[in-house]
Amino acid sequence: MEISVIPIGNSKGIRLSKTLLEKYNIIDTVELVLEKGYIIIRPKKAPRKGWEKAFKNMHANGDDKQLMVDIFDDENFEEWS
């Protein structure tokens, strides 16, 4: 695919078509990778995207139970005061 480099103020840039933006889920920011003579533009990933919804679903299904106790029999709380 060939696209033009266009002036943007004192800089230059490229325009990506709406089709490309939608296909690769590019919304606000991209990650620019310089690798072996190539410039790679890829969508910025949100590593925790969707976690809130997943946690709500876990809670609704009762899957958010504590797996181990967080207080031990020999724990001394006075040490932390």
C-alpha atoms as a PDB file:
ATOM      1  CA  MET A   1       0.000   0.000   0.000  1.00  0.00           C
ATOM      2  CA  GLU A   2       1.349   3.397  -0.920  1.00  0.00           C
ATOM      3  CA  ILE A   3       0.380   6.535   0.993  1.00  0.00           C
ATOM      4  CA  SER A   4       1.637  10.103   0.798  1.00  0.00           C
ATOM      5  CA  VAL A   5       3.652  11.946   3.406  1.00  0.00           C
ATOM      6  CA  ILE A   6       1.883  15.257   4.006  1.00  0.00           C
ATOM      7  CA  PRO A   7       2.887  18.483   5.762  1.00  0.00           C
ATOM      8  CA  ILE A   8       1.363  18.968   9.221  1.00  0.00           C
ATOM      9  CA  GLY A   9       2.526  22.316  10.621  1.00  0.00           C
ATOM     10  CA  ASN A  10       6.336  22.222  10.812  1.00  0.00           C
ATOM     11  CA  SER A  11       6.310  18.420  10.660  1.00  0.00           C
ATOM     12  CA  LYS A  12       5.194  15.762   8.219  1.00  0.00           C
ATOM     13  CA  GLY A  13       2.832  12.876   8.736  1.00  0.00           C
ATOM     14  CA  ILE A  14       0.735  10.210   7.104  1.00  0.00           C
ATOM     15  CA  ARG A  15      -3.026   9.738   6.962  1.00  0.00           C
ATOM     16  CA  LEU A  16      -4.566   6.354   7.586  1.00  0.00           C
ATOM     17  CA  SER A  17      -7.907   5.585   6.039  1.00  0.00           C
ATOM     18  CA  LYS A  18     -10.980   4.939   8.155  1.00  0.00           C
ATOM     19  CA  THR A  19     -10.947   1.358   6.875  1.00  0.00           C
ATOM     20  CA  LEU A  20      -7.420   0.747   8.231  1.00  0.00           C
ATOM     21  CA  LEU A  21      -8.219   2.425  11.544  1.00  0.00           C
ATOM     22  CA  GLU A  22     -11.268   0.223  12.032  1.00  0.00           C
ATOM     23  CA  LYS A  23      -9.611  -2.983  10.786  1.00  0.00           C
ATOM     24  CA  TYR A  24      -6.664  -2.633  13.180  1.00  0.00           C
ATOM     25  CA  ASN A  25      -8.667  -1.068  16.023  1.00  0.00           C
ATOM     26  CA  ILE A  26      -6.622   2.137  16.110  1.00  0.00           C
ATOM     27  CA  ILE A  27      -8.398   4.709  18.267  1.00  0.00           C
ATOM     28  CA  ASP A  28      -6.148   7.331  19.893  1.00  0.00           C
ATOM     29  CA  THR A  29      -2.547   6.227  20.037  1.00  0.00           C
ATOM     30  CA  VAL A  30      -0.256   3.867  18.178  1.00  0.00           C
ATOM     31  CA  GLU A  31       3.043   2.264  19.008  1.00  0.00           C
ATOM     32  CA  LEU A  32       5.899   3.065  16.647  1.00  0.00           C
ATOM     33  CA  VAL A  33       8.547   0.336  16.349  1.00  0.00           C
ATOM     34  CA  LEU A  34      11.817   0.845  14.468  1.00  0.00           C
ATOM     35  CA  GLU A  35      13.133  -2.541  13.433  1.00  0.00           C
ATOM     36  CA  LYS A  36      15.773  -3.566  10.871  1.00  0.00           C
ATOM     37  CA  GLY A  37      15.206  -0.625   8.547  1.00  0.00           C
ATOM     38  CA  TYR A  38      11.409  -0.713   8.877  1.00  0.00           C
ATOM     39  CA  ILE A  39       8.932   1.514  10.674  1.00  0.00           C
ATOM     40  CA  ILE A  40       6.109  -0.545  12.144  1.00  0.00           C
ATOM     41  CA  ILE A  41       2.934   1.174  13.296  1.00  0.00           C
ATOM     42  CA  ARG A  42       0.699  -0.925  15.494  1.00  0.00           C
ATOM     43  CA  PRO A  43      -2.240  -0.207  17.773  1.00  0.00           C
ATOM     44  CA  LYS A  44      -1.347   0.641  21.344  1.00  0.00           C
ATOM     45  CA  LYS A  45      -2.550  -2.250  23.439  1.00  0.00           C
ATOM     46  CA  ALA A  46      -4.327  -1.787  26.732  1.00  0.00           C
ATOM     47  CA  PRO A  47      -3.106  -4.799  28.747  1.00  0.00           C
ATOM     48  CA  ARG A  48      -5.984  -4.635  31.238  1.00  0.00           C
ATOM     49  CA  LYS A  49      -8.703  -3.776  28.761  1.00  0.00           C
ATOM     50  CA  GLY A  50     -11.866  -5.675  29.569  1.00  0.00           C
ATOM     51  CA  TRP A  51     -10.808  -6.607  33.094  1.00  0.00           C
ATOM     52  CA  GLU A  52     -13.569  -4.581  34.750  1.00  0.00           C
ATOM     53  CA  LYS A  53     -16.270  -6.398  32.792  1.00  0.00           C
ATOM     54  CA  ALA A  54     -14.606  -9.769  33.413  1.00  0.00           C
ATOM     55  CA  PHE A  55     -14.432  -9.111  37.168  1.00  0.00           C
ATOM     56  CA  LYS A  56     -18.096  -8.114  37.239  1.00  0.00           C
ATOM     57  CA  ASN A  57     -19.000 -11.335  35.415  1.00  0.00           C
ATOM     58  CA  MET A  58     -16.881 -13.367  37.845  1.00  0.00           C
ATOM     59  CA  HIS A  59     -18.679 -11.748  40.772  1.00  0.00           C
ATOM     60  CA  ALA A  60     -22.102 -12.339  39.218  1.00  0.00           C
ATOM     61  CA  ASN A  61     -21.210 -16.028  38.694  1.00  0.00           C
ATOM     62  CA  GLY A  62     -19.742 -16.410  42.191  1.00  0.00           C
ATOM     63  CA  ASP A  63     -16.286 -17.134  40.741  1.00  0.00           C
ATOM     64  CA  ASP A  64     -14.506 -14.464  42.787  1.00  0.00           C
ATOM     65  CA  LYS A  65     -14.023 -16.470  45.970  1.00  0.00           C
ATOM     66  CA  GLN A  66     -10.835 -16.118  47.966  1.00  0.00           C
ATOM     67  CA  LEU A  67      -8.558 -19.105  47.276  1.00  0.00           C
ATOM     68  CA  MET A  68      -6.499 -18.859  50.455  1.00  0.00           C
ATOM     69  CA  VAL A  69      -6.913 -17.102  53.770  1.00  0.00           C
ATOM     70  CA  ASP A  70      -5.119 -13.797  54.069  1.00  0.00           C
ATOM     71  CA  ILE A  71      -4.876 -13.879  57.854  1.00  0.00           C
ATOM     72  CA  PHE A  72      -2.828 -16.575  59.541  1.00  0.00           C
ATOM     73  CA  ASP A  73      -3.339 -17.940  63.052  1.00  0.00           C
ATOM     74  CA  ASP A  74       0.087 -16.763  64.228  1.00  0.00           C
ATOM     75  CA  GLU A  75      -0.146 -13.277  62.693  1.00  0.00           C
ATOM     76  CA  ASN A  76       0.673 -10.423  65.080  1.00  0.00           C
ATOM     77  CA  PHE A  77      -1.138  -7.218  64.145  1.00  0.00           C
ATOM     78  CA  GLU A  78       0.586  -5.192  66.873  1.00  0.00           C
ATOM     79  CA  GLU A  79       3.848  -5.358  64.913  1.00  0.00           C
ATOM     80  CA  TRP A  80       2.327  -3.085  62.275  1.00  0.00           C
ATOM     81  CA  SER A  81       1.051  -0.374  64.646  1.00  0.00           C
END
